[in-house]
Amino acid sequence: MTDKERYRELCATEPSIPIYSRDWWLDCVCGENKWDVLLFYSEQNPDAIEAAFPFYIPFKKEIIMPAFTQTMGIWFNPDFEQENYTKNLLRKQILCDRLIRRLPKHSYFIQNFHYLFTDWLPFYWKGYQQTTRYTYILPDIRNRAELEKNVNNNTRNNINKARMKYQMKVTSGLSPNLFLEINAETYRRQGRKAYQPIILRQLIETAYARNQGNIWGAYDNEGRLHAAIFVVWHKNCAYYIAGGGDSIGRKSGAQLLVLWEAICEVSKISASFDFEGSMIPGVERVFRSFGAIQKPYFTISKGNRHWLREKIGTLRRFFL
């Protein structure tokens, strides 16, 4: 059995693996043959996986991030956590070193690591660089009273305005076609092409089939859709993946309303909510206004991407 086959088995039983690193997600965003994984088996128990390092390698010697995927990086099996901090830190550094050495030869590497990965020194020691980025997390969405208390007053007022003044109603289970249409409308308003609609459709359809995702939409009293968001989840966390809205939805507060209703609904399924972060000031401000906690995570990189690959990526974003 290959590491990839063994990893698929692990994903089926291990709840702590983030959704972005799960096999079904990687199949959607990378293609089944464009990603692989390195596994480290415990020396004490050769059948147990102590760490995993999935990666996307669409081109020879280039390891990069796939679309719609906030983080990947190294996953450490929580069953092997040690109480002694110093010993545990050393253990993880050794694991990182061994996994880095086993990566395919590459001239360019860039990966965002999950915010639970806090020590990038093994990469630094091997010549990699790091940039800090931020996501925003609601750590316990099951506590509805605490959730409501922490929402910014302005955001709360805009949510109420969407309900009362504009009579917006939120429903779930929107079709992929309808969502892709309003998602593309957002990009058109900004003078841009919709981002990777083929991959986004695949994600929506797969999440629906697995009962691990839904689309919520805000409609006015005439049945017109003004805002929508796509959220995926597993037991530990739900994730905001993509959204869309028209100009009315932005003014009416419909986008805030639909996001709030989605968070409340997924609180019945998941423990926390990840807004997926943004370095854009306006977007960051909206996520923070829900009372979310800022979490730093690492973008680790090395080398330079070939100019032709950069050009191909630009053309794909324009034409697809």
C-alpha atoms as a PDB file:
ATOM      1  CA  MET A   1       0.000   0.000   0.000  1.00  0.00           C
ATOM      2  CA  THR A   2       1.361   3.420  -0.956  1.00  0.00           C
ATOM      3  CA  ASP A   3       1.590   6.365   1.422  1.00  0.00           C
ATOM      4  CA  LYS A   4      -1.249   8.013  -0.486  1.00  0.00           C
ATOM      5  CA  GLU A   5      -3.519   4.979  -0.102  1.00  0.00           C
ATOM      6  CA  ARG A   6      -2.658   4.757   3.573  1.00  0.00           C
ATOM      7  CA  TYR A   7      -3.365   8.474   3.957  1.00  0.00           C
ATOM      8  CA  ARG A   8      -6.805   8.048   2.422  1.00  0.00           C
ATOM      9  CA  GLU A   9      -7.552   5.443   5.077  1.00  0.00           C
ATOM     10  CA  LEU A  10      -6.304   7.817   7.757  1.00  0.00           C
ATOM     11  CA  CYS A  11      -8.511  10.662   6.500  1.00  0.00           C
ATOM     12  CA  ALA A  12     -11.548   8.410   6.801  1.00  0.00           C
ATOM     13  CA  THR A  13     -10.969   7.882  10.541  1.00  0.00           C
ATOM     14  CA  GLU A  14      -8.934  10.801  11.912  1.00  0.00           C
ATOM     15  CA  PRO A  15     -11.033  13.871  12.875  1.00  0.00           C
ATOM     16  CA  SER A  16      -8.107  16.202  13.616  1.00  0.00           C
ATOM     17  CA  ILE A  17      -6.909  16.468  10.006  1.00  0.00           C
ATOM     18  CA  PRO A  18      -8.030  19.905   8.705  1.00  0.00           C
ATOM     19  CA  ILE A  19     -10.484  19.812   5.841  1.00  0.00           C
ATOM     20  CA  TYR A  20      -8.019  21.458   3.439  1.00  0.00           C
ATOM     21  CA  SER A  21      -5.617  18.545   3.880  1.00  0.00           C
ATOM     22  CA  ARG A  22      -8.173  15.769   3.453  1.00  0.00           C
ATOM     23  CA  ASP A  23      -7.996  13.460   0.466  1.00  0.00           C
ATOM     24  CA  TRP A  24     -11.396  14.342  -0.984  1.00  0.00           C
ATOM     25  CA  TRP A  25     -10.618  18.055  -0.826  1.00  0.00           C
ATOM     26  CA  LEU A  26      -7.230  17.586  -2.489  1.00  0.00           C
ATOM     27  CA  ASP A  27      -8.811  15.449  -5.212  1.00  0.00           C
ATOM     28  CA  CYS A  28     -11.141  18.373  -6.013  1.00  0.00           C
ATOM     29  CA  VAL A  29      -8.694  21.266  -5.950  1.00  0.00           C
ATOM     30  CA  CYS A  30      -5.564  19.508  -7.236  1.00  0.00           C
ATOM     31  CA  GLY A  31      -6.802  16.598  -9.313  1.00  0.00           C
ATOM     32  CA  GLU A  32      -6.255  13.045  -8.085  1.00  0.00           C
ATOM     33  CA  ASN A  33      -2.856  12.702  -9.776  1.00  0.00           C
ATOM     34  CA  LYS A  34      -1.432  16.126  -8.922  1.00  0.00           C
ATOM     35  CA  TRP A  35      -1.026  15.751  -5.181  1.00  0.00           C
ATOM     36  CA  ASP A  36       0.886  13.374  -2.973  1.00  0.00           C
ATOM     37  CA  VAL A  37       1.720  12.921   0.695  1.00  0.00           C
ATOM     38  CA  LEU A  38       4.691  11.989   2.846  1.00  0.00           C
ATOM     39  CA  LEU A  39       3.986   9.919   5.945  1.00  0.00           C
ATOM     40  CA  PHE A  40       6.143   9.352   8.992  1.00  0.00           C
ATOM     41  CA  TYR A  41       5.442   6.124  10.829  1.00  0.00           C
ATOM     42  CA  SER A  42       6.081   5.823  14.546  1.00  0.00           C
ATOM     43  CA  GLU A  43       9.325   4.062  15.441  1.00  0.00           C
ATOM     44  CA  GLN A  44       7.606   2.474  18.448  1.00  0.00           C
ATOM     45  CA  ASN A  45       4.539   1.412  16.455  1.00  0.00           C
ATOM     46  CA  PRO A  46       5.329   1.015  12.728  1.00  0.00           C
ATOM     47  CA  ASP A  47       1.623   0.772  11.849  1.00  0.00           C
ATOM     48  CA  ALA A  48       0.802   4.177  13.386  1.00  0.00           C
ATOM     49  CA  ILE A  49       1.235   7.432  11.457  1.00  0.00           C
ATOM     50  CA  GLU A  50       2.894  10.106  13.573  1.00  0.00           C
ATOM     51  CA  ALA A  51       2.918  12.885  10.959  1.00  0.00           C
ATOM     52  CA  ALA A  52       1.734  13.594   7.401  1.00  0.00           C
ATOM     53  CA  PHE A  53       2.827  16.180   4.833  1.00  0.00           C
ATOM     54  CA  PRO A  54       0.458  16.480   1.828  1.00  0.00           C
ATOM     55  CA  PHE A  55       1.610  18.628  -1.081  1.00  0.00           C
ATOM     56  CA  TYR A  56       0.433  19.817  -4.509  1.00  0.00           C
ATOM     57  CA  ILE A  57       2.911  19.463  -7.368  1.00  0.00           C
ATOM     58  CA  PRO A  58       1.185  20.467 -10.638  1.00  0.00           C
ATOM     59  CA  PHE A  59       4.472  21.075 -12.452  1.00  0.00           C
ATOM     60  CA  LYS A  60       7.858  19.429 -12.262  1.00  0.00           C
ATOM     61  CA  LYS A  61       9.916  20.840  -9.373  1.00  0.00           C
ATOM     62  CA  GLU A  62       7.131  23.189  -8.203  1.00  0.00           C
ATOM     63  CA  ILE A  63       5.217  22.641  -4.966  1.00  0.00           C
ATOM     64  CA  ILE A  64       2.499  25.271  -4.578  1.00  0.00           C
ATOM     65  CA  MET A  65      -0.917  25.929  -3.035  1.00  0.00           C
ATOM     66  CA  PRO A  66      -4.074  24.796  -4.853  1.00  0.00           C
ATOM     67  CA  ALA A  67      -7.129  27.016  -5.343  1.00  0.00           C
ATOM     68  CA  PHE A  68      -9.598  27.641  -2.482  1.00  0.00           C
ATOM     69  CA  THR A  69      -7.171  26.077  -0.020  1.00  0.00           C
ATOM     70  CA  GLN A  70      -6.180  28.296   2.865  1.00  0.00           C
ATOM     71  CA  THR A  71      -3.628  25.995   4.488  1.00  0.00           C
ATOM     72  CA  MET A  72      -1.896  22.639   4.106  1.00  0.00           C
ATOM     73  CA  GLY A  73       1.463  21.894   5.718  1.00  0.00           C
ATOM     74  CA  ILE A  74       2.518  19.207   8.193  1.00  0.00           C
ATOM     75  CA  TRP A  75      -0.072  17.481  10.369  1.00  0.00           C
ATOM     76  CA  PHE A  76       1.059  15.988  13.661  1.00  0.00           C
ATOM     77  CA  ASN A  77      -0.969  13.128  15.107  1.00  0.00           C
ATOM     78  CA  PRO A  78      -2.342  14.364  18.481  1.00  0.00           C
ATOM     79  CA  ASP A  79      -2.070  10.819  19.887  1.00  0.00           C
ATOM     80  CA  PHE A  80       1.691  11.340  20.047  1.00  0.00           C
ATOM     81  CA  GLU A  81       1.633  14.659  21.921  1.00  0.00           C
ATOM     82  CA  GLN A  82       3.915  14.644  24.935  1.00  0.00           C
ATOM     83  CA  GLU A  83       3.324  16.538  28.167  1.00  0.00           C
ATOM     84  CA  ASN A  84       6.921  17.689  28.374  1.00  0.00           C
ATOM     85  CA  TYR A  85       7.086  20.818  26.204  1.00  0.00           C
ATOM     86  CA  THR A  86      10.792  20.626  25.449  1.00  0.00           C
ATOM     87  CA  LYS A  87      10.677  16.986  24.404  1.00  0.00           C
ATOM     88  CA  ASN A  88       7.588  17.570  22.290  1.00  0.00           C
ATOM     89  CA  LEU A  89       9.162  20.552  20.530  1.00  0.00           C
ATOM     90  CA  LEU A  90      12.269  18.532  19.740  1.00  0.00           C
ATOM     91  CA  ARG A  91      10.165  15.601  18.498  1.00  0.00           C
ATOM     92  CA  LYS A  92       8.300  17.827  16.036  1.00  0.00           C
ATOM     93  CA  GLN A  93      11.488  19.487  14.836  1.00  0.00           C
ATOM     94  CA  ILE A  94      12.976  16.079  14.086  1.00  0.00           C
ATOM     95  CA  LEU A  95       9.809  15.041  12.241  1.00  0.00           C
ATOM     96  CA  CYS A  96       9.870  18.244  10.179  1.00  0.00           C
ATOM     97  CA  ASP A  97      13.520  17.742   9.293  1.00  0.00           C
ATOM     98  CA  ARG A  98      12.926  14.198   8.097  1.00  0.00           C
ATOM     99  CA  LEU A  99       9.858  15.143   6.064  1.00  0.00           C
ATOM    100  CA  ILE A 100      11.578  18.150   4.438  1.00  0.00           C
ATOM    101  CA  ARG A 101      14.446  15.904   3.362  1.00  0.00           C
ATOM    102  CA  ARG A 102      11.967  13.556   1.668  1.00  0.00           C
ATOM    103  CA  LEU A 103      10.184  16.216  -0.382  1.00  0.00           C
ATOM    104  CA  PRO A 104      10.545  15.805  -4.149  1.00  0.00           C
ATOM    105  CA  LYS A 105      13.351  17.909  -5.595  1.00  0.00           C
ATOM    106  CA  HIS A 106      11.960  21.367  -6.200  1.00  0.00           C
ATOM    107  CA  SER A 107      13.144  24.745  -7.459  1.00  0.00           C
ATOM    108  CA  TYR A 108      10.099  26.503  -6.002  1.00  0.00           C
ATOM    109  CA  PHE A 109       8.102  25.814  -2.842  1.00  0.00           C
ATOM    110  CA  ILE A 110       5.272  27.732  -1.228  1.00  0.00           C
ATOM    111  CA  GLN A 111       2.768  26.447   1.310  1.00  0.00           C
ATOM    112  CA  ASN A 112       0.497  27.991   3.897  1.00  0.00           C
ATOM    113  CA  PHE A 113       0.682  26.055   7.149  1.00  0.00           C
ATOM    114  CA  HIS A 114      -2.236  25.577   9.550  1.00  0.00           C
ATOM    115  CA  TYR A 115      -2.217  27.997  12.489  1.00  0.00           C
ATOM    116  CA  LEU A 116      -1.597  25.074  14.882  1.00  0.00           C
ATOM    117  CA  PHE A 117       1.841  24.705  13.259  1.00  0.00           C
ATOM    118  CA  THR A 118       3.862  27.173  15.347  1.00  0.00           C
ATOM    119  CA  ASP A 119       7.539  26.277  14.847  1.00  0.00           C
ATOM    120  CA  TRP A 120       9.009  26.824  11.389  1.00  0.00           C
ATOM    121  CA  LEU A 121      12.638  26.704  12.523  1.00  0.00           C
ATOM    122  CA  PRO A 122      13.373  23.392  10.708  1.00  0.00           C
ATOM    123  CA  PHE A 123      12.453  25.134   7.441  1.00  0.00           C
ATOM    124  CA  TYR A 124      14.489  28.221   8.326  1.00  0.00           C
ATOM    125  CA  TRP A 125      17.512  26.056   9.004  1.00  0.00           C
ATOM    126  CA  LYS A 126      17.210  24.675   5.481  1.00  0.00           C
ATOM    127  CA  GLY A 127      17.027  28.043   3.763  1.00  0.00           C
ATOM    128  CA  TYR A 128      13.256  28.563   3.554  1.00  0.00           C
ATOM    129  CA  GLN A 129      11.584  31.910   4.216  1.00  0.00           C
ATOM    130  CA  GLN A 130       8.414  32.773   6.095  1.00  0.00           C
ATOM    131  CA  THR A 131       5.655  35.397   5.874  1.00  0.00           C
ATOM    132  CA  THR A 132       3.007  35.688   8.567  1.00  0.00           C
ATOM    133  CA  ARG A 133      -0.621  35.851   7.486  1.00  0.00           C
ATOM    134  CA  TYR A 134      -3.828  35.926   9.511  1.00  0.00           C
ATOM    135  CA  THR A 135      -7.151  34.168   9.667  1.00  0.00           C
ATOM    136  CA  TYR A 136     -10.080  34.835  11.995  1.00  0.00           C
ATOM    137  CA  ILE A 137     -11.696  32.117  14.099  1.00  0.00           C
ATOM    138  CA  LEU A 138     -14.877  31.878  16.143  1.00  0.00           C
ATOM    139  CA  PRO A 139     -13.595  29.236  18.593  1.00  0.00           C
ATOM    140  CA  ASP A 140     -16.947  28.075  20.020  1.00  0.00           C
ATOM    141  CA  ILE A 141     -19.971  28.720  17.849  1.00  0.00           C
ATOM    142  CA  ARG A 142     -22.075  26.314  19.916  1.00  0.00           C
ATOM    143  CA  ASN A 143     -22.427  28.993  22.616  1.00  0.00           C
ATOM    144  CA  ARG A 144     -25.063  31.139  20.903  1.00  0.00           C
ATOM    145  CA  ALA A 145     -25.366  33.704  23.720  1.00  0.00           C
ATOM    146  CA  GLU A 146     -21.610  34.355  23.764  1.00  0.00           C
ATOM    147  CA  LEU A 147     -21.578  34.443  19.974  1.00  0.00           C
ATOM    148  CA  GLU A 148     -24.232  37.155  19.818  1.00  0.00           C
ATOM    149  CA  LYS A 149     -22.631  39.169  22.620  1.00  0.00           C
ATOM    150  CA  ASN A 150     -19.334  39.454  20.758  1.00  0.00           C
ATOM    151  CA  VAL A 151     -20.761  40.746  17.472  1.00  0.00           C
ATOM    152  CA  ASN A 152     -19.834  44.370  16.741  1.00  0.00           C
ATOM    153  CA  ASN A 153     -22.766  46.807  17.210  1.00  0.00           C
ATOM    154  CA  ASN A 154     -22.528  48.118  13.662  1.00  0.00           C
ATOM    155  CA  THR A 155     -22.591  44.589  12.228  1.00  0.00           C
ATOM    156  CA  ARG A 156     -25.519  43.661  14.443  1.00  0.00           C
ATOM    157  CA  ASN A 157     -27.424  46.758  13.278  1.00  0.00           C
ATOM    158  CA  ASN A 158     -26.751  45.934   9.620  1.00  0.00           C
ATOM    159  CA  ILE A 159     -27.990  42.377  10.111  1.00  0.00           C
ATOM    160  CA  ASN A 160     -31.176  43.690  11.690  1.00  0.00           C
ATOM    161  CA  LYS A 161     -31.537  46.241   8.872  1.00  0.00           C
ATOM    162  CA  ALA A 162     -31.402  43.446   6.295  1.00  0.00           C
ATOM    163  CA  ARG A 163     -34.127  41.565   8.170  1.00  0.00           C
ATOM    164  CA  MET A 164     -36.457  44.426   9.069  1.00  0.00           C
ATOM    165  CA  LYS A 165     -35.980  47.250   6.546  1.00  0.00           C
ATOM    166  CA  TYR A 166     -35.172  45.184   3.457  1.00  0.00           C
ATOM    167  CA  GLN A 167     -37.206  42.089   4.435  1.00  0.00           C
ATOM    168  CA  MET A 168     -34.397  39.702   3.498  1.00  0.00           C
ATOM    169  CA  LYS A 169     -34.980  36.010   4.105  1.00  0.00           C
ATOM    170  CA  VAL A 170     -32.208  33.412   4.194  1.00  0.00           C
ATOM    171  CA  THR A 171     -32.580  29.924   2.758  1.00  0.00           C
ATOM    172  CA  SER A 172     -30.054  27.134   2.242  1.00  0.00           C
ATOM    173  CA  GLY A 173     -29.471  24.466  -0.367  1.00  0.00           C
ATOM    174  CA  LEU A 174     -28.953  26.807  -3.329  1.00  0.00           C
ATOM    175  CA  SER A 175     -27.912  25.143  -6.569  1.00  0.00           C
ATOM    176  CA  PRO A 176     -24.287  25.329  -7.752  1.00  0.00           C
ATOM    177  CA  ASN A 177     -25.411  27.174 -10.899  1.00  0.00           C
ATOM    178  CA  LEU A 178     -27.156  29.889  -8.931  1.00  0.00           C
ATOM    179  CA  PHE A 179     -24.204  30.340  -6.611  1.00  0.00           C
ATOM    180  CA  LEU A 180     -21.644  30.456  -9.409  1.00  0.00           C
ATOM    181  CA  GLU A 181     -23.735  33.104 -11.128  1.00  0.00           C
ATOM    182  CA  ILE A 182     -23.813  35.483  -8.158  1.00  0.00           C
ATOM    183  CA  ASN A 183     -20.171  34.696  -7.348  1.00  0.00           C
ATOM    184  CA  ALA A 184     -19.201  35.693 -10.904  1.00  0.00           C
ATOM    185  CA  GLU A 185     -21.294  38.854 -10.594  1.00  0.00           C
ATOM    186  CA  THR A 186     -19.113  39.983  -7.704  1.00  0.00           C
ATOM    187  CA  TYR A 187     -15.984  39.589  -9.821  1.00  0.00           C
ATOM    188  CA  ARG A 188     -17.609  41.360 -12.778  1.00  0.00           C
ATOM    189  CA  ARG A 189     -18.414  44.331 -10.577  1.00  0.00           C
ATOM    190  CA  GLN A 190     -14.704  44.515  -9.753  1.00  0.00           C
ATOM    191  CA  GLY A 191     -13.736  44.213 -13.419  1.00  0.00           C
ATOM    192  CA  ARG A 192     -12.287  40.721 -12.970  1.00  0.00           C
ATOM    193  CA  LYS A 193     -12.909  37.205 -14.229  1.00  0.00           C
ATOM    194  CA  ALA A 194     -14.532  34.721 -11.820  1.00  0.00           C
ATOM    195  CA  TYR A 195     -11.905  32.734  -9.934  1.00  0.00           C
ATOM    196  CA  GLN A 196     -11.613  29.044 -10.899  1.00  0.00           C
ATOM    197  CA  PRO A 197     -15.370  28.352 -11.408  1.00  0.00           C
ATOM    198  CA  ILE A 198     -14.743  24.765 -12.583  1.00  0.00           C
ATOM    199  CA  ILE A 199     -12.921  23.862  -9.381  1.00  0.00           C
ATOM    200  CA  LEU A 200     -15.479  25.732  -7.274  1.00  0.00           C
ATOM    201  CA  ARG A 201     -18.317  23.761  -8.869  1.00  0.00           C
ATOM    202  CA  GLN A 202     -16.478  20.510  -8.191  1.00  0.00           C
ATOM    203  CA  LEU A 203     -16.042  21.483  -4.545  1.00  0.00           C
ATOM    204  CA  ILE A 204     -19.709  22.383  -4.153  1.00  0.00           C
ATOM    205  CA  GLU A 205     -20.961  19.203  -5.789  1.00  0.00           C
ATOM    206  CA  THR A 206     -18.583  17.008  -3.786  1.00  0.00           C
ATOM    207  CA  ALA A 207     -19.394  18.741  -0.493  1.00  0.00           C
ATOM    208  CA  TYR A 208     -23.109  18.350  -1.201  1.00  0.00           C
ATOM    209  CA  ALA A 209     -22.669  14.661  -2.001  1.00  0.00           C
ATOM    210  CA  ARG A 210     -20.714  14.133   1.232  1.00  0.00           C
ATOM    211  CA  ASN A 211     -23.134  16.240   3.288  1.00  0.00           C
ATOM    212  CA  GLN A 212     -20.197  18.432   4.278  1.00  0.00           C
ATOM    213  CA  GLY A 213     -21.202  21.738   2.739  1.00  0.00           C
ATOM    214  CA  ASN A 214     -24.078  24.038   1.947  1.00  0.00           C
ATOM    215  CA  ILE A 215     -24.923  27.318   0.254  1.00  0.00           C
ATOM    216  CA  TRP A 216     -26.993  29.977   1.981  1.00  0.00           C
ATOM    217  CA  GLY A 217     -28.680  32.810   0.110  1.00  0.00           C
ATOM    218  CA  ALA A 218     -30.498  36.020   1.088  1.00  0.00           C
ATOM    219  CA  TYR A 219     -33.645  36.830  -0.920  1.00  0.00           C
ATOM    220  CA  ASP A 220     -35.858  39.905  -0.903  1.00  0.00           C
ATOM    221  CA  ASN A 221     -39.648  39.670  -0.673  1.00  0.00           C
ATOM    222  CA  GLU A 222     -39.876  39.471  -4.469  1.00  0.00           C
ATOM    223  CA  GLY A 223     -37.689  36.375  -4.583  1.00  0.00           C
ATOM    224  CA  ARG A 224     -34.522  38.012  -5.910  1.00  0.00           C
ATOM    225  CA  LEU A 225     -31.200  36.672  -4.665  1.00  0.00           C
ATOM    226  CA  HIS A 226     -28.880  39.401  -3.341  1.00  0.00           C
ATOM    227  CA  ALA A 227     -26.125  37.534  -1.487  1.00  0.00           C
ATOM    228  CA  ALA A 228     -24.893  33.972  -1.020  1.00  0.00           C
ATOM    229  CA  ILE A 229     -22.051  32.080   0.669  1.00  0.00           C
ATOM    230  CA  PHE A 230     -20.609  28.577   0.386  1.00  0.00           C
ATOM    231  CA  VAL A 231     -19.466  26.899   3.621  1.00  0.00           C
ATOM    232  CA  VAL A 232     -17.896  23.482   4.186  1.00  0.00           C
ATOM    233  CA  TRP A 233     -17.463  21.687   7.488  1.00  0.00           C
ATOM    234  CA  HIS A 234     -16.408  18.714   9.500  1.00  0.00           C
ATOM    235  CA  LYS A 235     -16.834  18.020  13.200  1.00  0.00           C
ATOM    236  CA  ASN A 236     -14.116  20.344  14.473  1.00  0.00           C
ATOM    237  CA  CYS A 237     -14.583  23.361  12.245  1.00  0.00           C
ATOM    238  CA  ALA A 238     -16.647  24.978   9.491  1.00  0.00           C
ATOM    239  CA  TYR A 239     -14.980  27.112   6.819  1.00  0.00           C
ATOM    240  CA  TYR A 240     -16.121  30.061   4.714  1.00  0.00           C
ATOM    241  CA  ILE A 241     -14.998  29.196   1.175  1.00  0.00           C
ATOM    242  CA  ALA A 242     -16.580  31.661  -1.239  1.00  0.00           C
ATOM    243  CA  GLY A 243     -19.354  34.205  -1.512  1.00  0.00           C
ATOM    244  CA  GLY A 244     -21.080  36.599  -3.837  1.00  0.00           C
ATOM    245  CA  GLY A 245     -23.503  39.478  -3.852  1.00  0.00           C
ATOM    246  CA  ASP A 246     -24.967  42.264  -5.926  1.00  0.00           C
ATOM    247  CA  SER A 247     -24.835  45.991  -5.192  1.00  0.00           C
ATOM    248  CA  ILE A 248     -28.161  45.873  -3.324  1.00  0.00           C
ATOM    249  CA  GLY A 249     -26.903  43.050  -1.133  1.00  0.00           C
ATOM    250  CA  ARG A 250     -23.922  45.138  -0.082  1.00  0.00           C
ATOM    251  CA  LYS A 251     -26.028  48.180   0.828  1.00  0.00           C
ATOM    252  CA  SER A 252     -28.817  46.269   2.550  1.00  0.00           C
ATOM    253  CA  GLY A 253     -26.647  44.167   4.859  1.00  0.00           C
ATOM    254  CA  ALA A 254     -27.734  40.964   3.119  1.00  0.00           C
ATOM    255  CA  GLN A 255     -24.166  39.661   2.956  1.00  0.00           C
ATOM    256  CA  LEU A 256     -23.748  40.040   6.711  1.00  0.00           C
ATOM    257  CA  LEU A 257     -27.151  38.463   7.356  1.00  0.00           C
ATOM    258  CA  VAL A 258     -26.457  35.405   5.228  1.00  0.00           C
ATOM    259  CA  LEU A 259     -23.055  34.921   6.875  1.00  0.00           C
ATOM    260  CA  TRP A 260     -24.577  35.163  10.351  1.00  0.00           C
ATOM    261  CA  GLU A 261     -27.375  32.717   9.545  1.00  0.00           C
ATOM    262  CA  ALA A 262     -24.873  30.242   8.097  1.00  0.00           C
ATOM    263  CA  ILE A 263     -22.711  30.436  11.234  1.00  0.00           C
ATOM    264  CA  CYS A 264     -25.757  29.815  13.438  1.00  0.00           C
ATOM    265  CA  GLU A 265     -26.808  26.849  11.314  1.00  0.00           C
ATOM    266  CA  VAL A 266     -23.394  25.148  11.195  1.00  0.00           C
ATOM    267  CA  SER A 267     -23.087  25.577  14.975  1.00  0.00           C
ATOM    268  CA  LYS A 268     -25.316  22.478  15.139  1.00  0.00           C
ATOM    269  CA  ILE A 269     -22.621  20.522  13.304  1.00  0.00           C
ATOM    270  CA  SER A 270     -19.197  22.045  14.014  1.00  0.00           C
ATOM    271  CA  ALA A 271     -17.476  23.422  17.088  1.00  0.00           C
ATOM    272  CA  SER A 272     -15.786  26.461  15.494  1.00  0.00           C
ATOM    273  CA  PHE A 273     -15.896  28.671  12.412  1.00  0.00           C
ATOM    274  CA  ASP A 274     -12.950  29.762  10.275  1.00  0.00           C
ATOM    275  CA  PHE A 275     -13.536  32.876   8.149  1.00  0.00           C
ATOM    276  CA  GLU A 276     -10.528  31.771   6.051  1.00  0.00           C
ATOM    277  CA  GLY A 277      -8.823  35.085   6.703  1.00  0.00           C
ATOM    278  CA  SER A 278      -7.978  37.991   4.467  1.00  0.00           C
ATOM    279  CA  MET A 279      -5.172  40.548   4.234  1.00  0.00           C
ATOM    280  CA  ILE A 280      -7.587  42.990   2.521  1.00  0.00           C
ATOM    281  CA  PRO A 281      -8.495  45.750   5.026  1.00  0.00           C
ATOM    282  CA  GLY A 282     -12.236  45.890   4.272  1.00  0.00           C
ATOM    283  CA  VAL A 283     -12.690  42.114   4.355  1.00  0.00           C
ATOM    284  CA  GLU A 284     -10.558  41.738   7.488  1.00  0.00           C
ATOM    285  CA  ARG A 285     -12.692  44.358   9.230  1.00  0.00           C
ATOM    286  CA  VAL A 286     -15.907  42.476   8.439  1.00  0.00           C
ATOM    287  CA  PHE A 287     -14.571  39.155   9.746  1.00  0.00           C
ATOM    288  CA  ARG A 288     -13.238  40.809  12.902  1.00  0.00           C
ATOM    289  CA  SER A 289     -16.620  42.475  13.504  1.00  0.00           C
ATOM    290  CA  PHE A 290     -18.207  39.104  14.246  1.00  0.00           C
ATOM    291  CA  GLY A 291     -16.072  38.845  17.371  1.00  0.00           C
ATOM    292  CA  ALA A 292     -13.603  36.451  15.762  1.00  0.00           C
ATOM    293  CA  ILE A 293     -10.139  35.840  17.204  1.00  0.00           C
ATOM    294  CA  GLN A 294      -7.096  36.620  15.074  1.00  0.00           C
ATOM    295  CA  LYS A 295      -4.854  33.616  14.398  1.00  0.00           C
ATOM    296  CA  PRO A 296      -1.462  33.966  12.679  1.00  0.00           C
ATOM    297  CA  TYR A 297      -0.270  31.293  10.278  1.00  0.00           C
ATOM    298  CA  PHE A 298       2.892  30.847   8.221  1.00  0.00           C
ATOM    299  CA  THR A 299       3.450  31.062   4.496  1.00  0.00           C
ATOM    300  CA  ILE A 300       6.729  29.185   4.021  1.00  0.00           C
ATOM    301  CA  SER A 301       8.557  29.509   0.713  1.00  0.00           C
ATOM    302  CA  LYS A 302      11.818  28.851  -1.070  1.00  0.00           C
ATOM    303  CA  GLY A 303      13.128  29.614  -4.563  1.00  0.00           C
ATOM    304  CA  ASN A 304      11.495  31.472  -7.411  1.00  0.00           C
ATOM    305  CA  ARG A 305       8.780  30.351  -9.744  1.00  0.00           C
ATOM    306  CA  HIS A 306       9.726  30.032 -13.394  1.00  0.00           C
ATOM    307  CA  TRP A 307       8.465  33.050 -15.360  1.00  0.00           C
ATOM    308  CA  LEU A 308       6.619  30.779 -17.812  1.00  0.00           C
ATOM    309  CA  ARG A 309       4.662  29.148 -14.968  1.00  0.00           C
ATOM    310  CA  GLU A 310       3.680  32.599 -13.732  1.00  0.00           C
ATOM    311  CA  LYS A 311       2.458  33.511 -17.213  1.00  0.00           C
ATOM    312  CA  ILE A 312       0.473  30.261 -17.515  1.00  0.00           C
ATOM    313  CA  GLY A 313      -1.154  30.921 -14.143  1.00  0.00           C
ATOM    314  CA  THR A 314      -2.163  34.422 -15.212  1.00  0.00           C
ATOM    315  CA  LEU A 315      -3.658  33.159 -18.479  1.00  0.00           C
ATOM    316  CA  ARG A 316      -5.607  30.439 -16.675  1.00  0.00           C
ATOM    317  CA  ARG A 317      -7.107  32.959 -14.272  1.00  0.00           C
ATOM    318  CA  PHE A 318      -8.147  35.132 -17.225  1.00  0.00           C
ATOM    319  CA  PHE A 319      -9.648  32.481 -19.499  1.00  0.00           C
ATOM    320  CA  LEU A 320     -11.110  29.881 -17.087  1.00  0.00           C
END
